[in-house]
Amino acid sequence: MFIEHTKLLLTYPLIGIRSDFENYRVLLVRDYNIYYRIEEDSIIIVGIRDARQNPQDFKL
């Protein structure tokens, strides 16, 4: 499930929405949020969170 969606980031790095964390974006995949940031020559996935959990418990 995550592999297909993260491959989309290679072609469309801005597909995710801006997050509340500065310089991070979020790709929504079913009940999960994939947090990532875009570097000059790479995309760094920094966390995957179950969106059904309390968002205040998540730290990057």
N, C-alpha and C. Protein backbone atom coordinates (compact mmCIF):
# COMPACT_ATOMS: atom_id res chain seq x y z
N MET A 1 0.83 -1.19 0.00
CA MET A 1 0.00 0.00 0.00
C MET A 1 0.87 1.26 0.00
N PHE A 2 1.89 1.31 0.85
CA PHE A 2 2.72 2.51 0.93
C PHE A 2 3.67 2.64 -0.25
N ILE A 3 4.11 1.52 -0.78
CA ILE A 3 5.11 1.57 -1.86
C ILE A 3 4.56 2.30 -3.08
N GLU A 4 3.35 1.97 -3.50
CA GLU A 4 2.78 2.62 -4.68
C GLU A 4 2.65 4.13 -4.47
N HIS A 5 2.21 4.51 -3.29
CA HIS A 5 1.99 5.93 -3.02
C HIS A 5 3.30 6.70 -2.87
N THR A 6 4.30 6.06 -2.27
CA THR A 6 5.57 6.77 -2.15
C THR A 6 6.26 6.89 -3.50
N LYS A 7 6.01 5.97 -4.42
CA LYS A 7 6.55 6.11 -5.78
C LYS A 7 5.96 7.33 -6.48
N LEU A 8 4.73 7.68 -6.14
CA LEU A 8 4.13 8.89 -6.70
C LEU A 8 4.93 10.14 -6.33
N LEU A 9 5.54 10.11 -5.15
CA LEU A 9 6.33 11.27 -4.70
C LEU A 9 7.52 11.54 -5.61
N LEU A 10 8.05 10.49 -6.23
CA LEU A 10 9.19 10.68 -7.14
C LEU A 10 8.80 11.51 -8.35
N THR A 11 7.60 11.30 -8.85
CA THR A 11 7.12 12.04 -10.02
C THR A 11 6.45 13.34 -9.63
N TYR A 12 5.69 13.32 -8.54
CA TYR A 12 4.92 14.48 -8.10
C TYR A 12 5.25 14.82 -6.65
N PRO A 13 6.40 15.39 -6.37
CA PRO A 13 6.81 15.63 -4.98
C PRO A 13 5.90 16.61 -4.22
N LEU A 14 5.16 17.44 -4.93
CA LEU A 14 4.27 18.40 -4.25
C LEU A 14 2.85 17.87 -4.10
N ILE A 15 2.65 16.57 -4.33
CA ILE A 15 1.31 15.99 -4.27
C ILE A 15 0.73 16.06 -2.85
N GLY A 16 1.58 16.00 -1.85
CA GLY A 16 1.11 16.08 -0.46
C GLY A 16 0.74 17.49 -0.07
N ILE A 17 -0.06 17.59 0.97
CA ILE A 17 -0.46 18.91 1.47
C ILE A 17 0.58 19.41 2.46
N ARG A 18 0.67 20.71 2.60
CA ARG A 18 1.58 21.30 3.59
C ARG A 18 1.11 20.91 4.99
N SER A 19 2.06 20.58 5.83
CA SER A 19 1.71 20.18 7.19
C SER A 19 1.87 21.36 8.14
N ASP A 20 1.52 21.12 9.39
CA ASP A 20 1.71 22.14 10.42
C ASP A 20 3.18 22.28 10.80
N PHE A 21 3.98 21.30 10.43
CA PHE A 21 5.42 21.35 10.69
C PHE A 21 6.09 22.05 9.52
N GLU A 22 6.92 23.03 9.81
CA GLU A 22 7.55 23.83 8.76
C GLU A 22 8.41 22.96 7.84
N ASN A 23 8.29 23.18 6.53
CA ASN A 23 9.03 22.49 5.48
C ASN A 23 8.66 21.01 5.32
N TYR A 24 7.56 20.58 5.88
CA TYR A 24 7.11 19.20 5.74
C TYR A 24 5.79 19.16 4.99
N ARG A 25 5.58 18.07 4.29
CA ARG A 25 4.33 17.83 3.59
C ARG A 25 3.76 16.51 4.06
N VAL A 26 2.47 16.28 3.78
CA VAL A 26 1.79 15.06 4.21
C VAL A 26 1.08 14.44 3.02
N LEU A 27 1.33 13.16 2.81
CA LEU A 27 0.62 12.39 1.80
C LEU A 27 -0.38 11.50 2.54
N LEU A 28 -1.66 11.62 2.22
CA LEU A 28 -2.70 10.85 2.88
C LEU A 28 -2.89 9.53 2.14
N VAL A 29 -2.78 8.43 2.88
CA VAL A 29 -2.95 7.09 2.32
C VAL A 29 -3.89 6.32 3.25
N ARG A 30 -5.12 6.18 2.82
CA ARG A 30 -6.17 5.55 3.62
C ARG A 30 -6.23 6.17 5.01
N ASP A 31 -5.92 5.40 6.05
CA ASP A 31 -5.97 5.92 7.42
C ASP A 31 -4.61 6.37 7.93
N TYR A 32 -3.67 6.60 7.02
CA TYR A 32 -2.31 6.94 7.42
C TYR A 32 -1.86 8.26 6.79
N ASN A 33 -0.99 8.94 7.50
CA ASN A 33 -0.35 10.16 7.00
C ASN A 33 1.13 9.85 6.85
N ILE A 34 1.67 10.11 5.66
CA ILE A 34 3.10 9.96 5.43
C ILE A 34 3.70 11.36 5.42
N TYR A 35 4.54 11.64 6.41
CA TYR A 35 5.19 12.95 6.52
C TYR A 35 6.52 12.89 5.80
N TYR A 36 6.79 13.90 4.96
CA TYR A 36 8.04 13.93 4.21
C TYR A 36 8.47 15.37 3.98
N ARG A 37 9.74 15.50 3.61
CA ARG A 37 10.26 16.81 3.22
C ARG A 37 11.04 16.64 1.92
N ILE A 38 11.09 17.70 1.17
CA ILE A 38 11.75 17.68 -0.13
C ILE A 38 13.11 18.36 0.01
N GLU A 39 14.15 17.63 -0.35
CA GLU A 39 15.50 18.17 -0.37
C GLU A 39 15.85 18.49 -1.83
N GLU A 40 17.02 19.04 -2.08
CA GLU A 40 17.41 19.40 -3.44
C GLU A 40 17.36 18.21 -4.40
N ASP A 41 17.89 17.08 -3.96
CA ASP A 41 17.98 15.93 -4.85
C ASP A 41 17.33 14.66 -4.28
N SER A 42 16.48 14.82 -3.28
CA SER A 42 15.84 13.64 -2.68
C SER A 42 14.57 14.02 -1.93
N ILE A 43 13.81 13.00 -1.60
CA ILE A 43 12.61 13.15 -0.78
C ILE A 43 12.85 12.29 0.46
N ILE A 44 12.73 12.89 1.62
CA ILE A 44 12.99 12.20 2.88
C ILE A 44 11.66 11.93 3.58
N ILE A 45 11.33 10.66 3.77
CA ILE A 45 10.14 10.29 4.54
C ILE A 45 10.56 10.26 6.00
N VAL A 46 9.92 11.10 6.80
CA VAL A 46 10.33 11.25 8.20
C VAL A 46 9.40 10.56 9.18
N GLY A 47 8.22 10.16 8.72
CA GLY A 47 7.32 9.47 9.63
C GLY A 47 6.03 9.04 8.95
N ILE A 48 5.47 7.97 9.49
CA ILE A 48 4.16 7.49 9.06
C ILE A 48 3.31 7.37 10.31
N ARG A 49 2.13 7.99 10.27
CA ARG A 49 1.28 8.02 11.46
C ARG A 49 -0.11 7.53 11.12
N ASP A 50 -0.66 6.71 11.99
CA ASP A 50 -2.05 6.30 11.87
C ASP A 50 -2.91 7.51 12.19
N ALA A 51 -3.67 7.97 11.21
CA ALA A 51 -4.45 9.21 11.37
C ALA A 51 -5.58 9.07 12.38
N ARG A 52 -5.86 7.86 12.82
CA ARG A 52 -6.92 7.66 13.81
C ARG A 52 -6.42 7.90 15.24
N GLN A 53 -5.12 8.12 15.39
CA GLN A 53 -4.54 8.38 16.70
C GLN A 53 -4.60 9.87 17.02
N ASN A 54 -4.36 10.20 18.27
CA ASN A 54 -4.35 11.58 18.72
C ASN A 54 -3.19 12.31 18.04
N PRO A 55 -3.45 13.35 17.25
CA PRO A 55 -2.36 14.05 16.56
C PRO A 55 -1.37 14.75 17.49
N GLN A 56 -1.77 15.05 18.70
CA GLN A 56 -0.87 15.72 19.64
C GLN A 56 0.19 14.77 20.18
N ASP A 57 -0.01 13.47 20.00
CA ASP A 57 0.98 12.48 20.46
C ASP A 57 2.08 12.25 19.43
N PHE A 58 1.95 12.81 18.22
CA PHE A 58 2.92 12.58 17.16
C PHE A 58 3.98 13.66 17.17
N LYS A 59 5.24 13.21 17.11
CA LYS A 59 6.36 14.15 17.07
C LYS A 59 7.28 13.78 15.91
N LEU A 60 7.75 14.79 15.19
CA LEU A 60 8.71 14.55 14.11
C LEU A 60 10.11 14.70 14.65
